[in-house]
């Protein structure tokens, strides 16, 4: 027996819409590889990614831009280089919110 929903479907749709950049960012193998490298290494610059991945530096920069827009990575300037690091806590919180809202509807 279903209980009345405590979360309106419109709210679930809004939260899902906010998750779209995350799903897009996570949907590409190259971006998944970048994230996994950052799990293994606290920070990396574009050259270090290029040493470990079969991608050009411009391609890596493009993927890093998408990951930044999704809130999964950020940049720390160190001298003349930019070092990338994970910032997944807000993304995890958003995904947890989506899951909780869906559970509350069903």
N, C-alpha and C. Protein backbone atom coordinates (compact mmCIF):
# COMPACT_ATOMS: atom_id res chain seq x y z
N UNK A 1 0.84 -1.17 0.00
CA UNK A 1 0.00 0.00 0.00
C UNK A 1 0.89 1.23 0.00
N UNK A 2 0.67 2.15 -0.92
CA UNK A 2 1.44 3.38 -1.01
C UNK A 2 0.93 4.41 -0.03
N UNK A 3 1.88 5.11 0.59
CA UNK A 3 1.51 6.21 1.47
C UNK A 3 1.55 7.50 0.67
N UNK A 4 0.83 8.53 1.11
CA UNK A 4 0.85 9.80 0.39
C UNK A 4 2.28 10.34 0.29
N UNK A 5 2.58 10.91 -0.84
CA UNK A 5 3.91 11.43 -1.09
C UNK A 5 4.17 12.68 -0.27
N UNK A 6 5.36 12.75 0.33
CA UNK A 6 5.74 13.96 1.06
C UNK A 6 6.58 14.88 0.18
N UNK A 7 6.90 14.45 -1.01
CA UNK A 7 7.66 15.26 -1.95
C UNK A 7 6.86 15.36 -3.24
N UNK A 8 6.64 16.57 -3.68
CA UNK A 8 5.87 16.77 -4.91
C UNK A 8 6.69 16.33 -6.11
N UNK A 9 6.04 15.73 -7.10
CA UNK A 9 6.75 15.34 -8.32
C UNK A 9 7.50 16.50 -8.97
N UNK A 10 6.97 17.70 -8.85
CA UNK A 10 7.66 18.87 -9.42
C UNK A 10 9.00 19.10 -8.74
N UNK A 11 9.06 18.82 -7.43
CA UNK A 11 10.33 18.97 -6.71
C UNK A 11 11.34 17.94 -7.18
N UNK A 12 10.88 16.71 -7.38
CA UNK A 12 11.76 15.65 -7.89
C UNK A 12 12.29 16.05 -9.27
N UNK A 13 11.41 16.59 -10.11
CA UNK A 13 11.82 17.02 -11.45
C UNK A 13 12.86 18.13 -11.37
N UNK A 14 12.68 19.05 -10.44
CA UNK A 14 13.65 20.14 -10.27
C UNK A 14 15.01 19.60 -9.84
N UNK A 15 14.99 18.69 -8.88
CA UNK A 15 16.25 18.11 -8.40
C UNK A 15 16.90 17.29 -9.51
N UNK A 16 16.12 16.53 -10.24
CA UNK A 16 16.66 15.75 -11.35
C UNK A 16 17.30 16.67 -12.38
N UNK A 17 16.65 17.78 -12.66
CA UNK A 17 17.20 18.75 -13.61
C UNK A 17 18.55 19.28 -13.13
N UNK A 18 18.68 19.51 -11.83
CA UNK A 18 19.96 19.97 -11.27
C UNK A 18 21.04 18.90 -11.37
N UNK A 19 20.62 17.62 -11.45
CA UNK A 19 21.57 16.51 -11.58
C UNK A 19 22.07 16.31 -13.01
N UNK A 20 21.38 16.88 -13.98
CA UNK A 20 21.70 16.65 -15.39
C UNK A 20 23.17 16.91 -15.72
N UNK A 21 23.77 18.04 -15.26
CA UNK A 21 25.20 18.24 -15.57
C UNK A 21 26.09 17.14 -15.00
N UNK A 22 25.72 16.60 -13.85
CA UNK A 22 26.50 15.50 -13.27
C UNK A 22 26.42 14.26 -14.14
N UNK A 23 25.20 13.92 -14.55
CA UNK A 23 25.03 12.73 -15.39
C UNK A 23 25.77 12.89 -16.71
N UNK A 24 25.70 14.09 -17.28
CA UNK A 24 26.42 14.35 -18.53
C UNK A 24 27.93 14.19 -18.31
N UNK A 25 28.44 14.79 -17.25
CA UNK A 25 29.88 14.72 -16.97
C UNK A 25 30.34 13.30 -16.71
N UNK A 26 29.53 12.52 -16.03
CA UNK A 26 29.91 11.15 -15.68
C UNK A 26 29.69 10.16 -16.82
N UNK A 27 29.00 10.59 -17.87
CA UNK A 27 28.64 9.69 -18.95
C UNK A 27 29.72 9.43 -19.98
N UNK A 28 30.85 10.06 -19.88
CA UNK A 28 31.93 9.93 -20.86
C UNK A 28 33.10 9.19 -20.21
N UNK A 29 33.59 8.16 -20.89
CA UNK A 29 34.68 7.34 -20.36
C UNK A 29 35.93 8.17 -20.03
N UNK A 30 36.28 9.11 -20.88
CA UNK A 30 37.48 9.92 -20.62
C UNK A 30 37.33 10.70 -19.31
N UNK A 31 36.14 11.23 -19.06
CA UNK A 31 35.93 11.98 -17.82
C UNK A 31 35.94 11.06 -16.60
N UNK A 32 35.44 9.85 -16.79
CA UNK A 32 35.51 8.86 -15.71
C UNK A 32 36.97 8.55 -15.39
N UNK A 33 37.79 8.41 -16.43
CA UNK A 33 39.22 8.13 -16.22
C UNK A 33 39.90 9.28 -15.50
N UNK A 34 39.54 10.51 -15.85
CA UNK A 34 40.11 11.68 -15.18
C UNK A 34 39.74 11.67 -13.70
N UNK A 35 38.48 11.39 -13.40
CA UNK A 35 38.06 11.35 -12.00
C UNK A 35 38.79 10.25 -11.24
N UNK A 36 38.95 9.09 -11.87
CA UNK A 36 39.66 8.00 -11.20
C UNK A 36 41.12 8.35 -10.94
N UNK A 37 41.73 9.07 -11.88
CA UNK A 37 43.12 9.51 -11.64
C UNK A 37 43.18 10.47 -10.46
N UNK A 38 42.16 11.31 -10.31
CA UNK A 38 42.14 12.24 -9.18
C UNK A 38 41.83 11.53 -7.87
N UNK A 39 41.16 10.39 -7.93
CA UNK A 39 40.97 9.58 -6.73
C UNK A 39 42.32 9.04 -6.27
N UNK A 40 43.14 8.62 -7.23
CA UNK A 40 44.46 8.04 -6.92
C UNK A 40 45.50 9.10 -6.58
N UNK A 41 45.36 10.29 -7.16
CA UNK A 41 46.34 11.36 -6.99
C UNK A 41 45.59 12.60 -6.51
N UNK A 42 46.01 13.18 -5.44
CA UNK A 42 45.28 14.30 -4.86
C UNK A 42 45.08 15.45 -5.85
N UNK A 43 46.13 15.82 -6.56
CA UNK A 43 46.03 16.87 -7.58
C UNK A 43 46.89 16.49 -8.78
N UNK A 44 46.46 16.94 -9.95
CA UNK A 44 47.23 16.74 -11.18
C UNK A 44 47.06 17.96 -12.06
N UNK A 45 48.07 18.23 -12.89
CA UNK A 45 47.93 19.26 -13.91
C UNK A 45 47.64 18.60 -15.25
N UNK A 46 47.34 19.40 -16.26
CA UNK A 46 46.96 18.84 -17.56
C UNK A 46 48.06 17.95 -18.13
N UNK A 47 49.31 18.36 -17.98
CA UNK A 47 50.43 17.55 -18.48
C UNK A 47 50.50 16.19 -17.81
N UNK A 48 50.21 16.14 -16.53
CA UNK A 48 50.23 14.86 -15.82
C UNK A 48 49.07 13.96 -16.28
N UNK A 49 47.92 14.56 -16.56
CA UNK A 49 46.83 13.77 -17.13
C UNK A 49 47.26 13.22 -18.49
N UNK A 50 47.88 14.08 -19.31
CA UNK A 50 48.30 13.69 -20.66
C UNK A 50 49.31 12.55 -20.62
N UNK A 51 50.15 12.51 -19.59
CA UNK A 51 51.12 11.42 -19.45
C UNK A 51 50.44 10.09 -19.15
N UNK A 52 49.25 10.14 -18.58
CA UNK A 52 48.57 8.92 -18.12
C UNK A 52 47.39 8.50 -18.98
N UNK A 53 46.94 9.38 -19.87
CA UNK A 53 45.76 9.09 -20.68
C UNK A 53 46.08 9.20 -22.17
N UNK A 54 45.39 8.43 -23.00
CA UNK A 54 45.62 8.51 -24.45
C UNK A 54 44.80 9.64 -25.09
N UNK A 55 44.92 10.84 -24.49
CA UNK A 55 44.18 12.01 -24.96
C UNK A 55 45.14 13.17 -25.15
N UNK A 56 44.80 14.07 -26.05
CA UNK A 56 45.61 15.27 -26.24
C UNK A 56 45.36 16.24 -25.08
N UNK A 57 46.28 17.15 -24.90
CA UNK A 57 46.11 18.17 -23.86
C UNK A 57 44.84 18.99 -24.08
N UNK A 58 44.54 19.41 -25.33
CA UNK A 58 43.28 20.14 -25.53
C UNK A 58 42.04 19.30 -25.17
N UNK A 59 42.08 18.02 -25.48
CA UNK A 59 40.94 17.15 -25.14
C UNK A 59 40.80 17.04 -23.62
N UNK A 60 41.91 16.89 -22.94
CA UNK A 60 41.88 16.81 -21.47
C UNK A 60 41.33 18.10 -20.88
N UNK A 61 41.80 19.23 -21.40
CA UNK A 61 41.29 20.53 -20.92
C UNK A 61 39.79 20.65 -21.13
N UNK A 62 39.32 20.17 -22.27
CA UNK A 62 37.88 20.19 -22.56
C UNK A 62 37.10 19.36 -21.54
N UNK A 63 37.58 18.16 -21.26
CA UNK A 63 36.91 17.29 -20.30
C UNK A 63 36.97 17.88 -18.89
N UNK A 64 38.09 18.48 -18.54
CA UNK A 64 38.21 19.11 -17.22
C UNK A 64 37.24 20.28 -17.09
N UNK A 65 37.03 21.00 -18.17
CA UNK A 65 36.07 22.11 -18.15
C UNK A 65 34.66 21.60 -17.85
N UNK A 66 34.28 20.51 -18.48
CA UNK A 66 32.95 19.92 -18.24
C UNK A 66 32.85 19.42 -16.80
N UNK A 67 33.89 18.80 -16.30
CA UNK A 67 33.89 18.33 -14.91
C UNK A 67 33.81 19.49 -13.93
N UNK A 68 34.46 20.59 -14.25
CA UNK A 68 34.38 21.79 -13.40
C UNK A 68 32.97 22.36 -13.43
N UNK A 69 32.37 22.44 -14.61
CA UNK A 69 31.02 22.97 -14.73
C UNK A 69 30.02 22.12 -13.95
N UNK A 70 30.28 20.84 -13.85
CA UNK A 70 29.41 19.93 -13.09
C UNK A 70 29.71 19.98 -11.59
N UNK A 71 30.76 20.67 -11.21
CA UNK A 71 31.12 20.77 -9.81
C UNK A 71 31.87 19.58 -9.26
N UNK A 72 32.47 18.79 -10.14
CA UNK A 72 33.18 17.59 -9.71
C UNK A 72 34.67 17.82 -9.48
N UNK A 73 35.24 18.81 -10.14
CA UNK A 73 36.64 19.17 -9.93
C UNK A 73 36.76 20.69 -9.85
N UNK A 74 37.88 21.12 -9.30
CA UNK A 74 38.18 22.55 -9.26
C UNK A 74 39.67 22.73 -9.49
N UNK A 75 40.07 23.98 -9.61
CA UNK A 75 41.47 24.31 -9.93
C UNK A 75 42.11 25.02 -8.76
N UNK A 76 43.37 24.66 -8.53
CA UNK A 76 44.20 25.37 -7.56
C UNK A 76 45.43 25.86 -8.31
N UNK A 77 45.57 27.18 -8.51
CA UNK A 77 46.78 27.68 -9.15
C UNK A 77 48.00 27.46 -8.24
N UNK A 78 49.05 26.89 -8.81
CA UNK A 78 50.31 26.68 -8.09
C UNK A 78 51.41 27.20 -8.99
N UNK A 79 51.91 28.37 -8.69
CA UNK A 79 52.91 28.99 -9.57
C UNK A 79 52.30 29.27 -10.92
N UNK A 80 52.93 28.73 -11.96
CA UNK A 80 52.44 28.96 -13.32
C UNK A 80 51.53 27.86 -13.83
N UNK A 81 51.23 26.88 -13.00
CA UNK A 81 50.37 25.78 -13.45
C UNK A 81 49.07 25.74 -12.67
N UNK A 82 48.09 25.10 -13.26
CA UNK A 82 46.82 24.85 -12.59
C UNK A 82 46.76 23.38 -12.21
N UNK A 83 46.48 23.14 -10.96
CA UNK A 83 46.35 21.78 -10.47
C UNK A 83 44.88 21.51 -10.20
N UNK A 84 44.41 20.36 -10.68
CA UNK A 84 43.00 19.99 -10.56
C UNK A 84 42.83 19.03 -9.39
N UNK A 85 41.71 19.17 -8.69
CA UNK A 85 41.42 18.31 -7.55
C UNK A 85 39.92 18.04 -7.49
N UNK A 86 39.55 16.95 -6.81
CA UNK A 86 38.15 16.56 -6.69
C UNK A 86 37.39 17.48 -5.74
N UNK A 87 36.14 17.75 -6.10
CA UNK A 87 35.22 18.49 -5.24
C UNK A 87 33.85 17.81 -5.32
N UNK A 88 33.79 16.56 -4.93
CA UNK A 88 32.59 15.75 -5.16
C UNK A 88 31.53 15.85 -4.07
N UNK A 89 31.84 16.41 -2.93
CA UNK A 89 30.86 16.42 -1.83
C UNK A 89 29.54 17.08 -2.21
N UNK A 90 29.53 18.27 -2.86
CA UNK A 90 28.24 18.84 -3.25
C UNK A 90 27.49 17.96 -4.26
N UNK A 91 28.21 17.32 -5.16
CA UNK A 91 27.57 16.43 -6.15
C UNK A 91 26.95 15.22 -5.45
N UNK A 92 27.66 14.66 -4.50
CA UNK A 92 27.14 13.52 -3.76
C UNK A 92 25.89 13.93 -2.98
N UNK A 93 25.93 15.10 -2.36
CA UNK A 93 24.76 15.59 -1.62
C UNK A 93 23.56 15.77 -2.54
N UNK A 94 23.78 16.30 -3.73
CA UNK A 94 22.69 16.49 -4.68
C UNK A 94 22.10 15.14 -5.11
N UNK A 95 22.97 14.18 -5.42
CA UNK A 95 22.49 12.85 -5.81
C UNK A 95 21.74 12.17 -4.67
N UNK A 96 22.24 12.33 -3.45
CA UNK A 96 21.55 11.76 -2.29
C UNK A 96 20.17 12.40 -2.12
N UNK A 97 20.09 13.70 -2.37
CA UNK A 97 18.81 14.40 -2.28
C UNK A 97 17.82 13.83 -3.31
N UNK A 98 18.30 13.65 -4.54
CA UNK A 98 17.45 13.09 -5.59
C UNK A 98 16.93 11.72 -5.19
N UNK A 99 17.81 10.86 -4.72
CA UNK A 99 17.41 9.50 -4.31
C UNK A 99 16.40 9.57 -3.17
N UNK A 100 16.63 10.42 -2.19
CA UNK A 100 15.71 10.55 -1.06
C UNK A 100 14.33 11.04 -1.53
N UNK A 101 14.31 11.99 -2.45
CA UNK A 101 13.04 12.49 -2.96
C UNK A 101 12.28 11.41 -3.73
N UNK A 102 12.99 10.65 -4.51
CA UNK A 102 12.34 9.57 -5.26
C UNK A 102 11.77 8.53 -4.28
N UNK A 103 12.56 8.19 -3.28
CA UNK A 103 12.07 7.23 -2.27
C UNK A 103 10.83 7.76 -1.56
N UNK A 104 10.80 9.05 -1.27
CA UNK A 104 9.66 9.64 -0.57
C UNK A 104 8.39 9.62 -1.42
N UNK A 105 8.55 9.56 -2.73
CA UNK A 105 7.40 9.53 -3.63
C UNK A 105 6.79 8.13 -3.74
N UNK A 106 7.58 7.14 -3.51
CA UNK A 106 7.11 5.78 -3.75
C UNK A 106 6.81 5.07 -2.51
